[in-house]
Amino acid sequence: MDFSLTDEQKQLKDSLRRFLDKDYAFEARRSLVEKGSGFGRYTWKTIADLGLLALAVPEAQGGLAGTAVDTALVMEEFGRSLVVEPYAAVAVLATHAIAAAATDAQKDEWLPALAAGDAVIVLAHEEPAARGRLEHVTTRARRAPDGSYMIEGHKVLVQGAPVADRILVSARLSGAADDETGLGLFMVERDARGLTRQDVRLLDGSPASDLRLDGVKVAPEAALGEPGKAFPAIASAVEQMIVALCAEAVGAMDRTIWITRDYLKTRKQFGVTLNTFQALQHRMADMVIEHEMARSMLLRALGALQESNPVTRSLGVSAAKAQVLRAARFVCAQGIQLHGGMGMTEEYVIGHYFKRINVIDALFGNIDHHVRRYAGALQTGHAA
């Protein structure tokens, strides 16, 4: 796979970086988080105006039909600037799920609004006992005599739910808790009767919710596509999301290295700047090596998304999640260490990169989960 950037991709990357450097400085982000929303309407409108919300939307619904590489470029820039708005949850996870599972009529109804920034839709799939297993769903949807569905269950870590207009909920129509078959996706209004939302701010300040659905009733047309056959769409959307988060982590690592380098060049001890100490030079070299290895794994994951074999594709994504996040935890932790006591303060930016990396690690299976998954595939001969 050729990863050389086109002129359009270079322009996209440059224009996005200029916007973030100018209007999304750390102090502006910090003020946004402290207000409690973690969502800036001006930022969201600018993201929409740049066409970023339309990247994954098919051309038939007014989108740009962009590739995973396009999304990775955006997410890397967002990682550098610690963008707190739930861009990936909306423009990657929910958009891919709708595009893969919905009927043409449903796509025409929801995707153009997503692309224009007029609607915010997020996917609620993770559950307390899932521990990264996508097939584990205990939320149930029961078909009523009038054709509607009654949904009962509990969802956790739903990114962006506090600011969402609608929530796309995965629920089981049939089968046991760990069956891949029998799953459906249902569009639920944010103020639906029986839906209880406990809003939280994650470690990095981003908005999320735990959801309880107690007899939430939705119309027949709220079920996306063919009920009971949504798992492939969910799995595909989550794979796209994991790779996007890996790209964000690579961007966070890159910015951490540059901030740390600048600090070591200016901070003095014993009359000389810290960058003259050989031990610290070696530590910085280790950080750069880990960053380059992580970038290579990101490229491998982008290539894996093109694989037709679902096992090869899924395991390539798992390998990337494990390696990229392991490297990111090392790099961002070393950034704090090399800053000394300053790195531990809430007012200084460096520690916030480590917080974001920890949140990314917790989403859709942590490092340990993906290592075990890949190791298990090696033992059975199914690894890529």
Protein backbone atom coordinates (compact mmCIF):
# COMPACT_ATOMS: atom_id res chain seq x y z
CA MET A 1 0.00 0.00 0.00
CA ASP A 2 1.37 3.41 -1.00
CA PHE A 3 1.30 5.90 1.89
CA SER A 4 2.66 8.87 -0.05
CA LEU A 5 0.38 11.83 0.59
CA THR A 6 -1.46 13.46 -2.26
CA ASP A 7 -1.45 17.24 -2.69
CA GLU A 8 -5.00 17.35 -1.31
CA GLN A 9 -4.00 15.38 1.78
CA LYS A 10 -1.02 17.67 2.38
CA GLN A 11 -3.29 20.71 2.09
CA LEU A 12 -5.80 19.14 4.50
CA LYS A 13 -3.07 18.42 7.05
CA ASP A 14 -1.56 21.91 6.75
CA SER A 15 -4.87 23.78 6.98
CA LEU A 16 -5.98 21.73 9.98
CA ARG A 17 -2.70 22.31 11.80
CA ARG A 18 -2.90 26.07 11.18
CA PHE A 19 -6.43 26.17 12.60
CA LEU A 20 -5.53 24.14 15.68
CA ASP A 21 -2.32 26.08 16.38
CA LYS A 22 -4.22 29.37 16.13
CA ASP A 23 -7.58 28.60 17.75
CA TYR A 24 -7.02 25.48 19.85
CA ALA A 25 -4.06 26.35 22.03
CA PHE A 26 -3.76 24.50 25.33
CA GLU A 27 -5.24 27.35 27.37
CA ALA A 28 -8.33 27.47 25.14
CA ARG A 29 -8.76 23.72 25.46
CA ARG A 30 -8.27 23.86 29.22
CA SER A 31 -10.93 26.54 29.54
CA LEU A 32 -13.34 24.41 27.50
CA VAL A 33 -12.77 21.38 29.75
CA GLU A 34 -13.16 23.42 32.93
CA LYS A 35 -16.56 24.65 31.76
CA GLY A 36 -17.67 21.03 31.89
CA SER A 37 -18.97 20.56 28.35
CA GLY A 38 -15.83 19.39 26.57
CA PHE A 39 -17.54 20.51 23.38
CA GLY A 40 -16.94 23.76 21.52
CA ARG A 41 -19.61 24.76 19.02
CA TYR A 42 -17.18 27.01 17.14
CA THR A 43 -14.66 24.18 16.87
CA TRP A 44 -17.36 21.75 15.71
CA LYS A 45 -18.59 24.19 13.06
CA THR A 46 -15.03 24.73 11.82
CA ILE A 47 -14.46 20.99 11.68
CA ALA A 48 -17.63 20.68 9.60
CA ASP A 49 -16.66 23.60 7.34
CA LEU A 50 -13.30 21.94 6.66
CA GLY A 51 -15.20 18.86 5.46
CA LEU A 52 -13.81 16.65 8.21
CA LEU A 53 -17.20 15.36 9.34
CA ALA A 54 -17.90 14.27 5.77
CA LEU A 55 -14.69 12.26 5.29
CA ALA A 56 -16.21 8.83 5.92
CA VAL A 57 -19.63 9.64 4.43
CA PRO A 58 -20.28 8.12 0.96
CA GLU A 59 -20.61 10.49 -1.98
CA ALA A 60 -24.22 9.39 -2.47
CA GLN A 61 -25.08 11.04 0.85
CA GLY A 62 -23.09 14.23 0.19
CA GLY A 63 -19.84 13.05 1.74
CA LEU A 64 -16.24 12.94 0.53
CA ALA A 65 -15.87 9.13 0.60
CA GLY A 66 -12.43 9.54 2.15
CA THR A 67 -10.09 6.73 3.09
CA ALA A 68 -8.78 5.53 6.45
CA VAL A 69 -5.53 7.36 5.59
CA ASP A 70 -7.45 10.64 5.35
CA THR A 71 -8.99 10.00 8.76
CA ALA A 72 -5.60 9.08 10.22
CA LEU A 73 -4.14 12.40 9.06
CA VAL A 74 -6.93 14.27 10.82
CA MET A 75 -6.65 12.20 13.99
CA GLU A 76 -2.89 12.66 14.18
CA GLU A 77 -3.35 16.44 14.15
CA PHE A 78 -6.10 16.16 16.75
CA GLY A 79 -3.74 14.09 18.91
CA ARG A 80 -1.06 16.78 18.71
CA SER A 81 -3.52 19.42 19.93
CA LEU A 82 -5.46 17.25 22.41
CA VAL A 83 -8.79 18.00 20.75
CA VAL A 84 -11.44 17.09 23.29
CA GLU A 85 -14.52 17.14 21.05
CA PRO A 86 -15.84 13.63 20.18
CA TYR A 87 -14.82 13.79 16.52
CA ALA A 88 -13.83 10.12 16.19
CA ALA A 89 -16.94 8.91 18.03
CA VAL A 90 -19.16 10.76 15.54
CA ALA A 91 -17.25 10.98 12.24
CA VAL A 92 -15.58 7.57 12.44
CA LEU A 93 -17.40 5.14 14.73
CA ALA A 94 -21.04 6.15 14.27
CA THR A 95 -20.65 7.17 10.63
CA HIS A 96 -19.03 3.87 9.61
CA ALA A 97 -21.64 1.88 11.55
CA ILE A 98 -24.51 3.67 9.81
CA ALA A 99 -22.86 3.43 6.39
CA ALA A 100 -22.30 -0.32 6.83
CA ALA A 101 -25.60 -1.33 8.45
CA ALA A 102 -28.35 1.07 7.36
CA THR A 103 -30.69 0.87 4.41
CA ASP A 104 -30.30 3.42 1.62
CA ALA A 105 -33.28 5.37 2.96
CA GLN A 106 -31.77 5.47 6.46
CA LYS A 107 -28.41 6.58 5.09
CA ASP A 108 -30.12 9.39 3.17
CA GLU A 109 -31.86 10.48 6.37
CA TRP A 110 -28.92 10.52 8.79
CA LEU A 111 -25.59 10.74 6.97
CA PRO A 112 -26.04 14.13 5.25
CA ALA A 113 -26.86 15.73 8.61
CA LEU A 114 -23.76 14.14 10.14
CA ALA A 115 -21.58 15.36 7.28
CA ALA A 116 -22.86 18.93 7.62
CA GLY A 117 -22.44 18.99 11.39
CA ASP A 118 -26.19 19.48 11.88
CA ALA A 119 -26.54 16.24 13.86
CA VAL A 120 -24.37 14.51 16.44
CA ILE A 121 -24.88 10.74 16.58
CA VAL A 122 -22.77 8.37 18.67
CA LEU A 123 -22.62 4.59 19.02
CA ALA A 124 -23.37 2.94 22.37
CA HIS A 125 -21.89 -0.56 22.27
CA GLU A 126 -19.48 -1.23 25.15
CA GLU A 127 -20.88 -2.91 28.27
CA PRO A 128 -19.47 -3.36 31.80
CA ALA A 129 -18.56 -7.05 31.42
CA ALA A 130 -17.40 -6.94 27.78
CA ARG A 131 -13.73 -6.18 28.50
CA GLY A 132 -13.02 -5.46 24.85
CA ARG A 133 -15.05 -8.36 23.42
CA LEU A 134 -17.16 -6.85 20.67
CA GLU A 135 -19.53 -9.79 20.52
CA HIS A 136 -20.44 -9.52 24.22
CA VAL A 137 -23.84 -7.79 24.32
CA THR A 138 -26.43 -8.38 27.02
CA THR A 139 -28.66 -5.42 26.15
CA ARG A 140 -31.88 -6.90 24.74
CA ALA A 141 -34.36 -5.67 22.14
CA ARG A 142 -37.77 -7.34 22.19
CA ARG A 143 -40.14 -7.05 19.23
CA ALA A 144 -43.61 -5.83 20.24
CA PRO A 145 -46.82 -6.87 18.45
CA ASP A 146 -47.06 -3.46 16.76
CA GLY A 147 -43.59 -3.89 15.21
CA SER A 148 -41.80 -1.55 17.60
CA TYR A 149 -38.89 -2.61 19.81
CA MET A 150 -38.47 -2.45 23.58
CA ILE A 151 -34.82 -2.11 24.63
CA GLU A 152 -33.42 -3.06 28.07
CA GLY A 153 -29.76 -2.85 29.04
CA HIS A 154 -26.71 -0.95 30.23
CA LYS A 155 -24.00 0.75 28.13
CA VAL A 156 -20.79 2.36 29.39
CA LEU A 157 -18.10 4.75 28.13
CA VAL A 158 -20.34 6.18 25.40
CA GLN A 159 -18.10 8.94 24.06
CA GLY A 160 -19.88 12.13 23.11
CA ALA A 161 -23.25 11.02 24.48
CA PRO A 162 -23.74 14.19 26.61
CA VAL A 163 -23.83 16.33 23.45
CA ALA A 164 -25.43 13.81 21.06
CA ASP A 165 -28.81 14.32 19.39
CA ARG A 166 -29.31 10.60 18.88
CA ILE A 167 -27.63 7.46 20.19
CA LEU A 168 -27.14 4.34 18.09
CA VAL A 169 -27.60 1.43 20.50
CA SER A 170 -26.52 -2.16 19.90
CA ALA A 171 -28.92 -4.73 21.35
CA ARG A 172 -29.45 -8.46 21.15
CA LEU A 173 -32.54 -9.83 19.45
CA SER A 174 -31.56 -13.47 19.91
CA GLY A 175 -28.75 -15.74 21.09
CA ALA A 176 -26.43 -15.88 24.09
CA ALA A 177 -24.40 -12.97 25.44
CA ASP A 178 -21.27 -13.81 23.41
CA ASP A 179 -22.89 -14.76 20.09
CA GLU A 180 -21.95 -12.73 17.03
CA THR A 181 -25.35 -13.43 15.50
CA GLY A 182 -28.60 -11.89 16.65
CA LEU A 183 -27.36 -8.31 17.14
CA GLY A 184 -29.18 -5.21 15.94
CA LEU A 185 -28.55 -1.46 15.89
CA PHE A 186 -31.31 0.93 16.95
CA MET A 187 -31.49 4.71 16.67
CA VAL A 188 -32.65 6.19 19.99
CA GLU A 189 -33.53 9.84 20.63
CA ARG A 190 -31.54 11.48 23.42
CA ASP A 191 -34.73 12.29 25.37
CA ALA A 192 -36.45 8.92 24.82
CA ARG A 193 -38.60 7.72 27.71
CA GLY A 194 -36.78 5.07 29.74
CA LEU A 195 -33.31 6.28 28.77
CA THR A 196 -31.23 7.40 31.75
CA ARG A 197 -27.93 9.11 31.03
CA GLN A 198 -25.22 9.59 33.64
CA ASP A 199 -22.81 12.11 32.15
CA VAL A 200 -19.17 11.95 33.14
CA ARG A 201 -15.91 13.52 32.12
CA LEU A 202 -13.19 11.02 31.35
CA LEU A 203 -9.65 11.34 32.69
CA ASP A 204 -8.68 13.64 29.81
CA GLY A 205 -11.76 15.84 30.20
CA SER A 206 -13.67 14.48 27.19
CA PRO A 207 -17.46 14.01 27.51
CA ALA A 208 -18.96 10.53 27.91
CA SER A 209 -21.96 8.82 29.49
CA ASP A 210 -23.14 5.62 31.06
CA LEU A 211 -26.57 4.72 29.73
CA ARG A 212 -29.39 2.65 31.19
CA LEU A 213 -32.24 1.65 28.96
CA ASP A 214 -35.35 0.58 30.88
CA GLY A 215 -38.07 -0.28 28.40
CA VAL A 216 -37.00 2.26 25.78
CA LYS A 217 -39.48 2.00 22.92
CA VAL A 218 -38.39 2.72 19.35
CA ALA A 219 -40.31 2.57 16.10
CA PRO A 220 -39.72 -0.25 13.56
CA GLU A 221 -37.84 2.14 11.25
CA ALA A 222 -35.35 2.87 14.07
CA ALA A 223 -33.77 -0.54 13.49
CA LEU A 224 -30.86 -0.17 11.06
CA GLY A 225 -30.86 -2.52 8.10
CA GLU A 226 -31.82 -6.12 8.76
CA PRO A 227 -32.32 -6.70 12.50
CA GLY A 228 -30.10 -9.41 13.94
CA LYS A 229 -27.28 -9.04 11.41
CA ALA A 230 -25.46 -5.94 12.65
CA PHE A 231 -22.29 -7.52 14.06
CA PRO A 232 -20.16 -7.21 10.88
CA ALA A 233 -21.03 -3.50 10.67
CA ILE A 234 -20.20 -2.99 14.35
CA ALA A 235 -16.89 -4.87 14.04
CA SER A 236 -15.90 -2.93 10.92
CA ALA A 237 -16.75 0.43 12.53
CA VAL A 238 -14.79 -0.41 15.69
CA GLU A 239 -11.75 -1.47 13.63
CA GLN A 240 -11.84 1.90 11.86
CA MET A 241 -12.18 3.59 15.24
CA ILE A 242 -9.23 1.73 16.79
CA VAL A 243 -6.94 2.69 13.91
CA ALA A 244 -8.11 6.30 14.18
CA LEU A 245 -7.30 6.28 17.90
CA CYS A 246 -3.88 4.82 17.11
CA ALA A 247 -3.28 7.75 14.76
CA GLU A 248 -4.32 10.13 17.52
CA ALA A 249 -1.85 8.46 19.87
CA VAL A 250 0.94 8.85 17.30
CA GLY A 251 0.15 12.56 17.10
CA ALA A 252 0.19 12.88 20.88
CA MET A 253 3.58 11.15 21.02
CA ASP A 254 5.02 13.45 18.36
CA ARG A 255 3.95 16.59 20.22
CA THR A 256 5.19 15.20 23.54
CA ILE A 257 8.65 14.66 22.08
CA TRP A 258 8.87 18.19 20.68
CA ILE A 259 7.64 19.81 23.90
CA THR A 260 10.14 17.79 25.91
CA ARG A 261 12.96 18.63 23.53
CA ASP A 262 12.26 22.35 23.83
CA TYR A 263 12.11 22.10 27.61
CA LEU A 264 15.47 20.32 27.84
CA LYS A 265 17.04 22.97 25.60
CA THR A 266 15.98 25.82 27.88
CA ARG A 267 15.98 24.38 31.41
CA LYS A 268 19.34 24.72 33.18
CA GLN A 269 20.96 22.75 35.97
CA PHE A 270 24.53 23.10 37.26
CA GLY A 271 24.89 26.03 34.86
CA VAL A 272 24.17 24.09 31.66
CA THR A 273 21.00 23.18 29.78
CA LEU A 274 19.55 19.72 30.43
CA ASN A 275 19.94 18.64 26.81
CA THR A 276 23.73 18.47 27.32
CA PHE A 277 23.41 15.51 29.71
CA GLN A 278 24.10 12.28 27.86
CA ALA A 279 21.64 10.21 29.89
CA LEU A 280 18.82 12.56 28.93
CA GLN A 281 19.92 12.51 25.29
CA HIS A 282 19.65 8.71 25.36
CA ARG A 283 16.21 8.91 26.94
CA MET A 284 15.05 11.24 24.19
CA ALA A 285 16.49 8.86 21.59
CA ASP A 286 14.48 6.01 23.12
CA MET A 287 11.33 8.14 22.86
CA VAL A 288 11.96 8.90 19.20
CA ILE A 289 12.59 5.21 18.42
CA GLU A 290 9.33 4.18 20.11
CA HIS A 291 7.47 6.87 18.19
CA GLU A 292 8.83 5.68 14.85
CA MET A 293 7.95 2.08 15.67
CA ALA A 294 4.43 3.18 16.57
CA ARG A 295 4.08 5.07 13.30
CA SER A 296 5.17 1.95 11.41
CA MET A 297 2.51 -0.09 13.22
CA LEU A 298 -0.08 2.54 12.34
CA LEU A 299 0.83 2.19 8.67
CA ARG A 300 0.54 -1.58 9.01
CA ALA A 301 -2.92 -1.20 10.52
CA LEU A 302 -3.99 1.11 7.68
CA GLY A 303 -2.86 -1.59 5.28
CA ALA A 304 -4.71 -4.25 7.29
CA LEU A 305 -7.98 -2.34 6.88
CA GLN A 306 -7.72 -3.05 3.14
CA GLU A 307 -7.58 -6.83 3.70
CA SER A 308 -10.58 -8.82 2.52
CA ASN A 309 -10.00 -11.56 5.11
CA PRO A 310 -11.79 -10.40 8.30
CA VAL A 311 -9.44 -12.39 10.57
CA THR A 312 -6.31 -10.90 9.01
CA ARG A 313 -7.85 -7.43 9.14
CA SER A 314 -8.96 -7.70 12.75
CA LEU A 315 -5.67 -9.10 14.03
CA GLY A 316 -3.69 -6.45 12.18
CA VAL A 317 -5.73 -3.86 14.04
CA SER A 318 -5.18 -5.64 17.37
CA ALA A 319 -1.41 -5.74 16.81
CA ALA A 320 -1.41 -2.02 16.13
CA LYS A 321 -3.49 -1.16 19.20
CA ALA A 322 -1.17 -3.14 21.47
CA GLN A 323 2.10 -1.79 20.03
CA VAL A 324 1.09 1.82 19.47
CA LEU A 325 -0.42 2.24 22.93
CA ARG A 326 2.52 0.51 24.62
CA ALA A 327 4.86 2.94 22.87
CA ALA A 328 2.60 5.91 23.60
CA ARG A 329 2.46 5.13 27.32
CA PHE A 330 6.27 4.98 27.38
CA VAL A 331 6.81 8.20 25.44
CA CYS A 332 4.25 10.28 27.33
CA ALA A 333 5.38 8.95 30.71
CA GLN A 334 8.99 9.80 29.86
CA GLY A 335 7.86 13.28 28.83
CA ILE A 336 6.51 13.80 32.34
CA GLN A 337 9.64 12.29 33.91
CA LEU A 338 12.00 14.55 31.98
CA HIS A 339 10.03 17.61 33.05
CA GLY A 340 10.45 16.74 36.71
CA GLY A 341 7.95 18.26 39.15
CA MET A 342 6.59 20.64 36.50
CA GLY A 343 5.37 17.65 34.50
CA MET A 344 3.02 16.66 37.33
CA THR A 345 1.13 19.95 37.45
CA GLU A 346 -2.38 20.32 36.03
CA GLU A 347 -1.52 23.72 34.58
CA TYR A 348 1.23 22.39 32.32
CA VAL A 349 0.38 20.60 29.09
CA ILE A 350 2.71 17.59 29.16
CA GLY A 351 0.74 15.51 31.67
CA HIS A 352 -2.46 15.87 29.66
CA TYR A 353 -0.99 13.82 26.82
CA PHE A 354 -0.45 10.93 29.24
CA LYS A 355 -4.04 11.27 30.44
CA ARG A 356 -5.36 11.07 26.89
CA ILE A 357 -3.23 8.00 26.14
CA ASN A 358 -4.70 6.24 29.18
CA VAL A 359 -8.22 6.98 27.95
CA ILE A 360 -7.42 5.66 24.46
CA ASP A 361 -5.95 2.52 26.02
CA ALA A 362 -9.21 1.84 27.88
CA LEU A 363 -11.41 2.10 24.78
CA PHE A 364 -12.38 -1.03 22.81
CA GLY A 365 -9.98 -3.35 24.59
CA ASN A 366 -6.79 -2.30 26.36
CA ILE A 367 -3.22 -3.35 25.56
CA ASP A 368 -3.49 -6.61 27.51
CA HIS A 369 -6.71 -7.59 25.74
CA HIS A 370 -5.25 -7.12 22.27
CA VAL A 371 -1.99 -8.87 23.19
CA ARG A 372 -3.94 -11.90 24.45
CA ARG A 373 -6.13 -11.84 21.36
CA TYR A 374 -3.16 -11.81 19.00
CA ALA A 375 -1.25 -14.41 21.01
CA GLY A 376 -4.28 -16.70 20.93
CA ALA A 377 -4.44 -16.34 17.17
CA LEU A 378 -0.74 -17.29 16.91
CA GLN A 379 -1.37 -20.47 18.86
CA THR A 380 -4.25 -21.46 16.60
CA GLY A 381 -2.44 -20.46 13.41
CA HIS A 382 -4.80 -17.61 12.51
CA ALA A 383 -2.49 -14.61 13.00
CA ALA A 384 -1.58 -12.38 10.07
